[in-house]
Amino acid sequence: MDINLDAMNRQELVTLKTRVEKALASLEARRREEARKAAEEAAREYGFSLPELLDKSKGGKGNALPKYRNPKDLNQTWTGRGRQPAWFKDAIRAGTEISDMEI
């Protein structure tokens, strides 16, 4: 694709620059999502969720290992810290024992 930049005025160049930046951001977001999905699929093939495979040895806030797993969607986990996720509350209301959701 040939674009004659020399023939464009300042506003056209600024508009083109803005469109290119948006296109690059969109491309990066799509590629990141594709990579995340591929990583999740690879982890599932080995019987893990992606968070289980991430390095949790760095310490600090947010690095707790999951303690509970949604029996209806094995990709949803909860560390047992902070607010209970909706799927956890729903399962309890439906009669699921907490011990049945422990990992």
PDB file of N, CA and C in Angstrom:
ATOM      1  N   MET A   1       0.846  -1.158   0.000  1.00  0.00           N
ATOM      2  CA  MET A   1       0.000   0.000   0.000  1.00  0.00           C
ATOM      3  C   MET A   1       0.899   1.229   0.000  1.00  0.00           C
ATOM      4  N   ASP A   2       0.796   2.026  -1.015  1.00  0.00           N
ATOM      5  CA  ASP A   2       1.575   3.248  -1.123  1.00  0.00           C
ATOM      6  C   ASP A   2       0.706   4.441  -0.763  1.00  0.00           C
ATOM      7  N   ILE A   3       1.203   5.234   0.175  1.00  0.00           N
ATOM      8  CA  ILE A   3       0.533   6.465   0.565  1.00  0.00           C
ATOM      9  C   ILE A   3       1.539   7.583   0.338  1.00  0.00           C
ATOM     10  N   ASN A   4       1.123   8.576  -0.420  1.00  0.00           N
ATOM     11  CA  ASN A   4       2.000   9.710  -0.684  1.00  0.00           C
ATOM     12  C   ASN A   4       1.882  10.693   0.478  1.00  0.00           C
ATOM     13  N   LEU A   5       2.760  10.531   1.455  1.00  0.00           N
ATOM     14  CA  LEU A   5       2.723  11.383   2.636  1.00  0.00           C
ATOM     15  C   LEU A   5       3.053  12.828   2.312  1.00  0.00           C
ATOM     16  N   ASP A   6       3.877  13.029   1.307  1.00  0.00           N
ATOM     17  CA  ASP A   6       4.260  14.392   0.938  1.00  0.00           C
ATOM     18  C   ASP A   6       3.076  15.195   0.393  1.00  0.00           C
ATOM     19  N   ALA A   7       2.063  14.515  -0.126  1.00  0.00           N
ATOM     20  CA  ALA A   7       0.914  15.202  -0.695  1.00  0.00           C
ATOM     21  C   ALA A   7      -0.159  15.504   0.352  1.00  0.00           C
ATOM     22  N   MET A   8       0.031  15.007   1.585  1.00  0.00           N
ATOM     23  CA  MET A   8      -0.971  15.192   2.633  1.00  0.00           C
ATOM     24  C   MET A   8      -0.678  16.457   3.430  1.00  0.00           C
ATOM     25  N   ASN A   9      -1.771  17.126   3.866  1.00  0.00           N
ATOM     26  CA  ASN A   9      -1.589  18.295   4.721  1.00  0.00           C
ATOM     27  C   ASN A   9      -1.444  17.840   6.175  1.00  0.00           C
ATOM     28  N   ARG A  10      -1.202  18.790   7.059  1.00  0.00           N
ATOM     29  CA  ARG A  10      -0.943  18.465   8.460  1.00  0.00           C
ATOM     30  C   ARG A  10      -2.110  17.702   9.085  1.00  0.00           C
ATOM     31  N   GLN A  11      -3.337  18.157   8.898  1.00  0.00           N
ATOM     32  CA  GLN A  11      -4.507  17.507   9.497  1.00  0.00           C
ATOM     33  C   GLN A  11      -4.666  16.078   8.984  1.00  0.00           C
ATOM     34  N   GLU A  12      -4.449  15.868   7.709  1.00  0.00           N
ATOM     35  CA  GLU A  12      -4.544  14.513   7.155  1.00  0.00           C
ATOM     36  C   GLU A  12      -3.472  13.605   7.766  1.00  0.00           C
ATOM     37  N   LEU A  13      -2.270  14.141   7.951  1.00  0.00           N
ATOM     38  CA  LEU A  13      -1.194  13.352   8.566  1.00  0.00           C
ATOM     39  C   LEU A  13      -1.510  13.021  10.027  1.00  0.00           C
ATOM     40  N   VAL A  14      -2.050  13.986  10.763  1.00  0.00           N
ATOM     41  CA  VAL A  14      -2.417  13.747  12.165  1.00  0.00           C
ATOM     42  C   VAL A  14      -3.522  12.695  12.242  1.00  0.00           C
ATOM     43  N   THR A  15      -4.501  12.809  11.361  1.00  0.00           N
ATOM     44  CA  THR A  15      -5.589  11.829  11.321  1.00  0.00           C
ATOM     45  C   THR A  15      -5.056  10.443  10.992  1.00  0.00           C
ATOM     46  N   LEU A  16      -4.163  10.358  10.021  1.00  0.00           N
ATOM     47  CA  LEU A  16      -3.563   9.076   9.650  1.00  0.00           C
ATOM     48  C   LEU A  16      -2.779   8.496  10.821  1.00  0.00           C
ATOM     49  N   LYS A  17      -2.020   9.338  11.500  1.00  0.00           N
ATOM     50  CA  LYS A  17      -1.234   8.889  12.649  1.00  0.00           C
ATOM     51  C   LYS A  17      -2.155   8.321  13.731  1.00  0.00           C
ATOM     52  N   THR A  18      -3.253   9.015  14.014  1.00  0.00           N
ATOM     53  CA  THR A  18      -4.210   8.564  15.027  1.00  0.00           C
ATOM     54  C   THR A  18      -4.804   7.216  14.645  1.00  0.00           C
ATOM     55  N   ARG A  19      -5.170   7.079  13.382  1.00  0.00           N
ATOM     56  CA  ARG A  19      -5.751   5.817  12.910  1.00  0.00           C
ATOM     57  C   ARG A  19      -4.746   4.677  12.987  1.00  0.00           C
ATOM     58  N   VAL A  20      -3.488   4.956  12.657  1.00  0.00           N
ATOM     59  CA  VAL A  20      -2.445   3.928  12.724  1.00  0.00           C
ATOM     60  C   VAL A  20      -2.225   3.498  14.171  1.00  0.00           C
ATOM     61  N   GLU A  21      -2.167   4.461  15.091  1.00  0.00           N
ATOM     62  CA  GLU A  21      -1.971   4.134  16.501  1.00  0.00           C
ATOM     63  C   GLU A  21      -3.122   3.287  17.039  1.00  0.00           C
ATOM     64  N   LYS A  22      -4.351   3.626  16.660  1.00  0.00           N
ATOM     65  CA  LYS A  22      -5.509   2.830  17.083  1.00  0.00           C
ATOM     66  C   LYS A  22      -5.452   1.429  16.491  1.00  0.00           C
ATOM     67  N   ALA A  23      -5.062   1.319  15.224  1.00  0.00           N
ATOM     68  CA  ALA A  23      -4.961   0.011  14.578  1.00  0.00           C
ATOM     69  C   ALA A  23      -3.888  -0.847  15.241  1.00  0.00           C
ATOM     70  N   LEU A  24      -2.763  -0.241  15.596  1.00  0.00           N
ATOM     71  CA  LEU A  24      -1.696  -0.981  16.272  1.00  0.00           C
ATOM     72  C   LEU A  24      -2.145  -1.447  17.655  1.00  0.00           C
ATOM     73  N   ALA A  25      -2.844  -0.598  18.393  1.00  0.00           N
ATOM     74  CA  ALA A  25      -3.343  -0.977  19.714  1.00  0.00           C
ATOM     75  C   ALA A  25      -4.352  -2.112  19.606  1.00  0.00           C
ATOM     76  N   SER A  26      -5.213  -2.028  18.602  1.00  0.00           N
ATOM     77  CA  SER A  26      -6.210  -3.075  18.383  1.00  0.00           C
ATOM     78  C   SER A  26      -5.538  -4.398  18.016  1.00  0.00           C
ATOM     79  N   LEU A  27      -4.545  -4.331  17.159  1.00  0.00           N
ATOM     80  CA  LEU A  27      -3.812  -5.536  16.771  1.00  0.00           C
ATOM     81  C   LEU A  27      -3.132  -6.168  17.979  1.00  0.00           C
ATOM     82  N   GLU A  28      -2.495  -5.346  18.810  1.00  0.00           N
ATOM     83  CA  GLU A  28      -1.822  -5.877  19.991  1.00  0.00           C
ATOM     84  C   GLU A  28      -2.821  -6.519  20.947  1.00  0.00           C
ATOM     85  N   ALA A  29      -3.978  -5.900  21.141  1.00  0.00           N
ATOM     86  CA  ALA A  29      -5.000  -6.457  22.021  1.00  0.00           C
ATOM     87  C   ALA A  29      -5.503  -7.799  21.494  1.00  0.00           C
ATOM     88  N   ARG A  30      -5.731  -7.883  20.176  1.00  0.00           N
ATOM     89  CA  ARG A  30      -6.185  -9.152  19.591  1.00  0.00           C
ATOM     90  C   ARG A  30      -5.132 -10.237  19.736  1.00  0.00           C
ATOM     91  N   ARG A  31      -3.882  -9.898  19.477  1.00  0.00           N
ATOM     92  CA  ARG A  31      -2.797 -10.877  19.578  1.00  0.00           C
ATOM     93  C   ARG A  31      -2.605 -11.329  21.020  1.00  0.00           C
ATOM     94  N   ARG A  32      -2.728 -10.389  21.967  1.00  0.00           N
ATOM     95  CA  ARG A  32      -2.607 -10.736  23.382  1.00  0.00           C
ATOM     96  C   ARG A  32      -3.715 -11.709  23.781  1.00  0.00           C
ATOM     97  N   GLU A  33      -4.938 -11.441  23.328  1.00  0.00           N
ATOM     98  CA  GLU A  33      -6.072 -12.318  23.634  1.00  0.00           C
ATOM     99  C   GLU A  33      -5.874 -13.695  23.004  1.00  0.00           C
ATOM    100  N   GLU A  34      -5.395 -13.743  21.766  1.00  0.00           N
ATOM    101  CA  GLU A  34      -5.117 -15.030  21.121  1.00  0.00           C
ATOM    102  C   GLU A  34      -4.057 -15.808  21.892  1.00  0.00           C
ATOM    103  N   ALA A  35      -3.028 -15.122  22.352  1.00  0.00           N
ATOM    104  CA  ALA A  35      -1.962 -15.774  23.115  1.00  0.00           C
ATOM    105  C   ALA A  35      -2.498 -16.297  24.443  1.00  0.00           C
ATOM    106  N   ARG A  36      -3.347 -15.502  25.113  1.00  0.00           N
ATOM    107  CA  ARG A  36      -3.930 -15.939  26.382  1.00  0.00           C
ATOM    108  C   ARG A  36      -4.783 -17.181  26.194  1.00  0.00           C
ATOM    109  N   LYS A  37      -5.607 -17.182  25.132  1.00  0.00           N
ATOM    110  CA  LYS A  37      -6.456 -18.342  24.859  1.00  0.00           C
ATOM    111  C   LYS A  37      -5.614 -19.579  24.540  1.00  0.00           C
ATOM    112  N   ALA A  38      -4.553 -19.401  23.778  1.00  0.00           N
ATOM    113  CA  ALA A  38      -3.680 -20.531  23.446  1.00  0.00           C
ATOM    114  C   ALA A  38      -3.001 -21.067  24.703  1.00  0.00           C
ATOM    115  N   ALA A  39      -2.576 -20.170  25.583  1.00  0.00           N
ATOM    116  CA  ALA A  39      -1.934 -20.602  26.829  1.00  0.00           C
ATOM    117  C   ALA A  39      -2.926 -21.334  27.725  1.00  0.00           C
ATOM    118  N   GLU A  40      -4.152 -20.826  27.805  1.00  0.00           N
ATOM    119  CA  GLU A  40      -5.174 -21.501  28.613  1.00  0.00           C
ATOM    120  C   GLU A  40      -5.475 -22.884  28.057  1.00  0.00           C
ATOM    121  N   GLU A  41      -5.573 -23.002  26.747  1.00  0.00           N
ATOM    122  CA  GLU A  41      -5.844 -24.300  26.122  1.00  0.00           C
ATOM    123  C   GLU A  41      -4.700 -25.279  26.388  1.00  0.00           C
ATOM    124  N   ALA A  42      -3.474 -24.804  26.264  1.00  0.00           N
ATOM    125  CA  ALA A  42      -2.317 -25.666  26.527  1.00  0.00           C
ATOM    126  C   ALA A  42      -2.317 -26.122  27.981  1.00  0.00           C
ATOM    127  N   ALA A  43      -2.621 -25.235  28.903  1.00  0.00           N
ATOM    128  CA  ALA A  43      -2.665 -25.602  30.320  1.00  0.00           C
ATOM    129  C   ALA A  43      -3.758 -26.636  30.565  1.00  0.00           C
ATOM    130  N   ARG A  44      -4.934 -26.436  29.937  1.00  0.00           N
ATOM    131  CA  ARG A  44      -6.051 -27.380  30.091  1.00  0.00           C
ATOM    132  C   ARG A  44      -5.687 -28.767  29.588  1.00  0.00           C
ATOM    133  N   GLU A  45      -4.917 -28.835  28.503  1.00  0.00           N
ATOM    134  CA  GLU A  45      -4.512 -30.134  27.953  1.00  0.00           C
ATOM    135  C   GLU A  45      -3.701 -30.940  28.962  1.00  0.00           C
ATOM    136  N   TYR A  46      -3.027 -30.248  29.863  1.00  0.00           N
ATOM    137  CA  TYR A  46      -2.232 -30.916  30.898  1.00  0.00           C
ATOM    138  C   TYR A  46      -2.958 -30.993  32.233  1.00  0.00           C
ATOM    139  N   GLY A  47      -4.214 -30.560  32.248  1.00  0.00           N
ATOM    140  CA  GLY A  47      -5.019 -30.672  33.459  1.00  0.00           C
ATOM    141  C   GLY A  47      -4.851 -29.537  34.456  1.00  0.00           C
ATOM    142  N   PHE A  48      -4.390 -28.388  33.985  1.00  0.00           N
ATOM    143  CA  PHE A  48      -4.198 -27.242  34.860  1.00  0.00           C
ATOM    144  C   PHE A  48      -4.978 -26.050  34.332  1.00  0.00           C
ATOM    145  N   SER A  49      -5.139 -25.065  35.209  1.00  0.00           N
ATOM    146  CA  SER A  49      -5.631 -23.769  34.744  1.00  0.00           C
ATOM    147  C   SER A  49      -4.413 -22.875  34.588  1.00  0.00           C
ATOM    148  N   LEU A  50      -4.532 -21.839  33.813  1.00  0.00           N
ATOM    149  CA  LEU A  50      -3.400 -20.944  33.578  1.00  0.00           C
ATOM    150  C   LEU A  50      -2.873 -20.314  34.870  1.00  0.00           C
ATOM    151  N   PRO A  51      -3.737 -19.831  35.767  1.00  0.00           N
ATOM    152  CA  PRO A  51      -3.208 -19.259  37.010  1.00  0.00           C
ATOM    153  C   PRO A  51      -2.395 -20.255  37.839  1.00  0.00           C
ATOM    154  N   GLU A  52      -2.742 -21.535  37.752  1.00  0.00           N
ATOM    155  CA  GLU A  52      -1.979 -22.539  38.495  1.00  0.00           C
ATOM    156  C   GLU A  52      -0.545 -22.650  37.977  1.00  0.00           C
ATOM    157  N   LEU A  53      -0.338 -22.337  36.709  1.00  0.00           N
ATOM    158  CA  LEU A  53       0.981 -22.477  36.116  1.00  0.00           C
ATOM    159  C   LEU A  53       1.834 -21.223  36.227  1.00  0.00           C
ATOM    160  N   LEU A  54       1.207 -20.105  36.524  1.00  0.00           N
ATOM    161  CA  LEU A  54       1.972 -18.867  36.635  1.00  0.00           C
ATOM    162  C   LEU A  54       2.851 -18.918  37.871  1.00  0.00           C
ATOM    163  N   ASP A  55       3.996 -18.312  37.791  1.00  0.00           N
ATOM    164  CA  ASP A  55       4.949 -18.323  38.899  1.00  0.00           C
ATOM    165  C   ASP A  55       4.389 -17.534  40.070  1.00  0.00           C
ATOM    166  N   LYS A  56       4.144 -18.201  41.154  1.00  0.00           N
ATOM    167  CA  LYS A  56       3.597 -17.557  42.345  1.00  0.00           C
ATOM    168  C   LYS A  56       4.663 -17.345  43.402  1.00  0.00           C
ATOM    169  N   SER A  57       5.925 -17.536  43.067  1.00  0.00           N
ATOM    170  CA  SER A  57       7.001 -17.464  44.060  1.00  0.00           C
ATOM    171  C   SER A  57       7.533 -16.061  44.268  1.00  0.00           C
ATOM    172  N   LYS A  58       7.016 -15.075  43.554  1.00  0.00           N
ATOM    173  CA  LYS A  58       7.551 -13.718  43.655  1.00  0.00           C
ATOM    174  C   LYS A  58       7.139 -13.025  44.940  1.00  0.00           C
ATOM    175  N   GLY A  59       6.121 -13.530  45.609  1.00  0.00           N
ATOM    176  CA  GLY A  59       5.680 -12.918  46.859  1.00  0.00           C
ATOM    177  C   GLY A  59       4.914 -11.645  46.619  1.00  0.00           C
ATOM    178  N   GLY A  60       4.405 -11.083  47.689  1.00  0.00           N
ATOM    179  CA  GLY A  60       3.666  -9.836  47.568  1.00  0.00           C
ATOM    180  C   GLY A  60       2.180 -10.076  47.442  1.00  0.00           C
ATOM    181  N   LYS A  61       1.454  -8.999  47.432  1.00  0.00           N
ATOM    182  CA  LYS A  61       0.004  -9.077  47.375  1.00  0.00           C
ATOM    183  C   LYS A  61      -0.462  -9.641  46.029  1.00  0.00           C
ATOM    184  N   GLY A  62      -1.473 -10.485  46.065  1.00  0.00           N
ATOM    185  CA  GLY A  62      -2.059 -11.005  44.848  1.00  0.00           C
ATOM    186  C   GLY A  62      -1.428 -12.281  44.337  1.00  0.00           C
ATOM    187  N   ASN A  63      -0.517 -12.856  45.087  1.00  0.00           N
ATOM    188  CA  ASN A  63       0.141 -14.066  44.608  1.00  0.00           C
ATOM    189  C   ASN A  63      -0.314 -15.315  45.341  1.00  0.00           C
ATOM    190  N   ALA A  64      -1.453 -15.261  45.993  1.00  0.00           N
ATOM    191  CA  ALA A  64      -1.965 -16.426  46.692  1.00  0.00           C
ATOM    192  C   ALA A  64      -2.465 -17.454  45.680  1.00  0.00           C
ATOM    193  N   LEU A  65      -2.218 -18.703  45.987  1.00  0.00           N
ATOM    194  CA  LEU A  65      -2.699 -19.771  45.118  1.00  0.00           C
ATOM    195  C   LEU A  65      -4.198 -19.963  45.301  1.00  0.00           C
ATOM    196  N   PRO A  66      -4.885 -20.376  44.255  1.00  0.00           N
ATOM    197  CA  PRO A  66      -6.320 -20.605  44.379  1.00  0.00           C
ATOM    198  C   PRO A  66      -6.613 -21.719  45.382  1.00  0.00           C
ATOM    199  N   LYS A  67      -7.671 -21.530  46.152  1.00  0.00           N
ATOM    200  CA  LYS A  67      -8.074 -22.522  47.145  1.00  0.00           C
ATOM    201  C   LYS A  67      -9.379 -23.211  46.737  1.00  0.00           C
ATOM    202  N   TYR A  68     -10.200 -22.516  45.963  1.00  0.00           N
ATOM    203  CA  TYR A  68     -11.502 -23.040  45.550  1.00  0.00           C
ATOM    204  C   TYR A  68     -11.637 -22.968  44.035  1.00  0.00           C
ATOM    205  N   ARG A  69     -12.376 -23.925  43.474  1.00  0.00           N
ATOM    206  CA  ARG A  69     -12.614 -23.971  42.034  1.00  0.00           C
ATOM    207  C   ARG A  69     -14.112 -24.135  41.800  1.00  0.00           C
ATOM    208  N   ASN A  70     -14.621 -23.407  40.812  1.00  0.00           N
ATOM    209  CA  ASN A  70     -16.031 -23.500  40.436  1.00  0.00           C
ATOM    210  C   ASN A  70     -16.274 -24.871  39.816  1.00  0.00           C
ATOM    211  N   PRO A  71     -17.141 -25.687  40.388  1.00  0.00           N
ATOM    212  CA  PRO A  71     -17.388 -27.018  39.817  1.00  0.00           C
ATOM    213  C   PRO A  71     -18.041 -26.972  38.432  1.00  0.00           C
ATOM    214  N   LYS A  72     -18.683 -25.851  38.090  1.00  0.00           N
ATOM    215  CA  LYS A  72     -19.331 -25.728  36.788  1.00  0.00           C
ATOM    216  C   LYS A  72     -18.407 -25.153  35.726  1.00  0.00           C
ATOM    217  N   ASP A  73     -17.372 -24.431  36.139  1.00  0.00           N
ATOM    218  CA  ASP A  73     -16.400 -23.849  35.210  1.00  0.00           C
ATOM    219  C   ASP A  73     -15.026 -23.928  35.872  1.00  0.00           C
ATOM    220  N   LEU A  74     -14.256 -24.924  35.506  1.00  0.00           N
ATOM    221  CA  LEU A  74     -12.985 -25.190  36.175  1.00  0.00           C
ATOM    222  C   LEU A  74     -11.950 -24.085  35.984  1.00  0.00           C
ATOM    223  N   ASN A  75     -12.196 -23.145  35.078  1.00  0.00           N
ATOM    224  CA  ASN A  75     -11.279 -22.023  34.892  1.00  0.00           C
ATOM    225  C   ASN A  75     -11.476 -20.940  35.941  1.00  0.00           C
ATOM    226  N   GLN A  76     -12.588 -20.980  36.656  1.00  0.00           N
ATOM    227  CA  GLN A  76     -12.867 -19.970  37.675  1.00  0.00           C
ATOM    228  C   GLN A  76     -12.380 -20.480  39.020  1.00  0.00           C
ATOM    229  N   THR A  77     -11.464 -19.710  39.609  1.00  0.00           N
ATOM    230  CA  THR A  77     -10.929 -20.073  40.911  1.00  0.00           C
ATOM    231  C   THR A  77     -10.992 -18.877  41.846  1.00  0.00           C
ATOM    232  N   TRP A  78     -10.795 -19.152  43.134  1.00  0.00           N
ATOM    233  CA  TRP A  78     -10.781 -18.110  44.141  1.00  0.00           C
ATOM    234  C   TRP A  78      -9.793 -18.502  45.218  1.00  0.00           C
ATOM    235  N   THR A  79      -9.035 -17.544  45.704  1.00  0.00           N
ATOM    236  CA  THR A  79      -8.011 -17.809  46.707  1.00  0.00           C
ATOM    237  C   THR A  79      -8.583 -17.970  48.106  1.00  0.00           C
ATOM    238  N   GLY A  80      -9.818 -17.550  48.302  1.00  0.00           N
ATOM    239  CA  GLY A  80     -10.399 -17.561  49.634  1.00  0.00           C
ATOM    240  C   GLY A  80     -10.173 -16.244  50.344  1.00  0.00           C
ATOM    241  N   ARG A  81      -9.520 -15.310  49.664  1.00  0.00           N
ATOM    242  CA  ARG A  81      -9.256 -13.991  50.223  1.00  0.00           C
ATOM    243  C   ARG A  81     -10.160 -12.963  49.550  1.00  0.00           C
ATOM    244  N   GLY A  82     -10.507 -11.935  50.291  1.00  0.00           N
ATOM    245  CA  GLY A  82     -11.314 -10.875  49.705  1.00  0.00           C
ATOM    246  C   GLY A  82     -12.768 -11.297  49.562  1.00  0.00           C
ATOM    247  N   ARG A  83     -13.477 -10.550  48.726  1.00  0.00           N
ATOM    248  CA  ARG A  83     -14.903 -10.809  48.532  1.00  0.00           C
ATOM    249  C   ARG A  83     -15.115 -12.133  47.804  1.00  0.00           C
ATOM    250  N   GLN A  84     -16.167 -12.817  48.189  1.00  0.00           N
ATOM    251  CA  GLN A  84     -16.505 -14.074  47.536  1.00  0.00           C
ATOM    252  C   GLN A  84     -17.017 -13.781  46.127  1.00  0.00           C
ATOM    253  N   PRO A  85     -16.534 -14.523  45.125  1.00  0.00           N
ATOM    254  CA  PRO A  85     -17.046 -14.318  43.768  1.00  0.00           C
ATOM    255  C   PRO A  85     -18.499 -14.802  43.663  1.00  0.00           C
ATOM    256  N   ALA A  86     -19.192 -14.274  42.683  1.00  0.00           N
ATOM    257  CA  ALA A  86     -20.608 -14.609  42.498  1.00  0.00           C
ATOM    258  C   ALA A  86     -20.811 -16.104  42.320  1.00  0.00           C
ATOM    259  N   TRP A  87     -19.924 -16.765  41.559  1.00  0.00           N
ATOM    260  CA  TRP A  87     -20.101 -18.208  41.337  1.00  0.00           C
ATOM    261  C   TRP A  87     -20.002 -18.976  42.654  1.00  0.00           C
ATOM    262  N   PHE A  88     -19.158 -18.509  43.586  1.00  0.00           N
ATOM    263  CA  PHE A  88     -18.999 -19.165  44.884  1.00  0.00           C
ATOM    264  C   PHE A  88     -20.276 -19.008  45.700  1.00  0.00           C
ATOM    265  N   LYS A  89     -20.796 -17.777  45.758  1.00  0.00           N
ATOM    266  CA  LYS A  89     -22.035 -17.516  46.495  1.00  0.00           C
ATOM    267  C   LYS A  89     -23.199 -18.318  45.917  1.00  0.00           C
ATOM    268  N   ASP A  90     -23.278 -18.346  44.584  1.00  0.00           N
ATOM    269  CA  ASP A  90     -24.361 -19.081  43.923  1.00  0.00           C
ATOM    270  C   ASP A  90     -24.294 -20.567  44.244  1.00  0.00           C
ATOM    271  N   ALA A  91     -23.083 -21.117  44.246  1.00  0.00           N
ATOM    272  CA  ALA A  91     -22.916 -22.542  44.536  1.00  0.00           C
ATOM    273  C   ALA A  91     -23.341 -22.851  45.972  1.00  0.00           C
ATOM    274  N   ILE A  92     -22.978 -21.997  46.918  1.00  0.00           N
ATOM    275  CA  ILE A  92     -23.358 -22.189  48.319  1.00  0.00           C
ATOM    276  C   ILE A  92     -24.877 -22.139  48.457  1.00  0.00           C
ATOM    277  N   ARG A  93     -25.497 -21.140  47.806  1.00  0.00           N
ATOM    278  CA  ARG A  93     -26.965 -21.024  47.843  1.00  0.00           C
ATOM    279  C   ARG A  93     -27.642 -22.245  47.242  1.00  0.00           C
ATOM    280  N   ALA A  94     -26.985 -22.849  46.234  1.00  0.00           N
ATOM    281  CA  ALA A  94     -27.560 -24.020  45.568  1.00  0.00           C
ATOM    282  C   ALA A  94     -27.325 -25.302  46.358  1.00  0.00           C
ATOM    283  N   GLY A  95     -26.619 -25.188  47.490  1.00  0.00           N
ATOM    284  CA  GLY A  95     -26.437 -26.363  48.342  1.00  0.00           C
ATOM    285  C   GLY A  95     -25.090 -27.052  48.205  1.00  0.00           C
ATOM    286  N   THR A  96     -24.179 -26.497  47.423  1.00  0.00           N
ATOM    287  CA  THR A  96     -22.856 -27.094  47.278  1.00  0.00           C
ATOM    288  C   THR A  96     -22.061 -26.854  48.557  1.00  0.00           C
ATOM    289  N   GLU A  97     -21.413 -27.890  49.044  1.00  0.00           N
ATOM    290  CA  GLU A  97     -20.580 -27.765  50.238  1.00  0.00           C
ATOM    291  C   GLU A  97     -19.274 -27.065  49.871  1.00  0.00           C
ATOM    292  N   ILE A  98     -18.774 -26.244  50.783  1.00  0.00           N
ATOM    293  CA  ILE A  98     -17.507 -25.556  50.536  1.00  0.00           C
ATOM    294  C   ILE A  98     -16.396 -26.566  50.280  1.00  0.00           C
ATOM    295  N   SER A  99     -16.400 -27.645  51.009  1.00  0.00           N
ATOM    296  CA  SER A  99     -15.339 -28.659  50.844  1.00  0.00           C
ATOM    297  C   SER A  99     -15.366 -29.288  49.458  1.00  0.00           C
ATOM    298  N   ASP A 100     -16.518 -29.275  48.796  1.00  0.00           N
ATOM    299  CA  ASP A 100     -16.611 -29.834  47.452  1.00  0.00           C
ATOM    300  C   ASP A 100     -15.944 -28.921  46.413  1.00  0.00           C
ATOM    301  N   MET A 101     -15.706 -27.668  46.775  1.00  0.00           N
ATOM    302  CA  MET A 101     -15.091 -26.733  45.839  1.00  0.00           C
ATOM    303  C   MET A 101     -13.606 -26.518  46.109  1.00  0.00           C
ATOM    304  N   GLU A 102     -13.101 -27.134  47.180  1.00  0.00           N
ATOM    305  CA  GLU A 102     -11.686 -26.983  47.496  1.00  0.00           C
ATOM    306  C   GLU A 102     -10.837 -27.684  46.455  1.00  0.00           C
ATOM    307  N   ILE A 103      -9.700 -27.073  46.186  1.00  0.00           N
ATOM    308  CA  ILE A 103      -8.774 -27.648  45.201  1.00  0.00           C
ATOM    309  C   ILE A 103      -7.870 -28.633  45.909  1.00  0.00           C
TER     310      ILE A 103
END
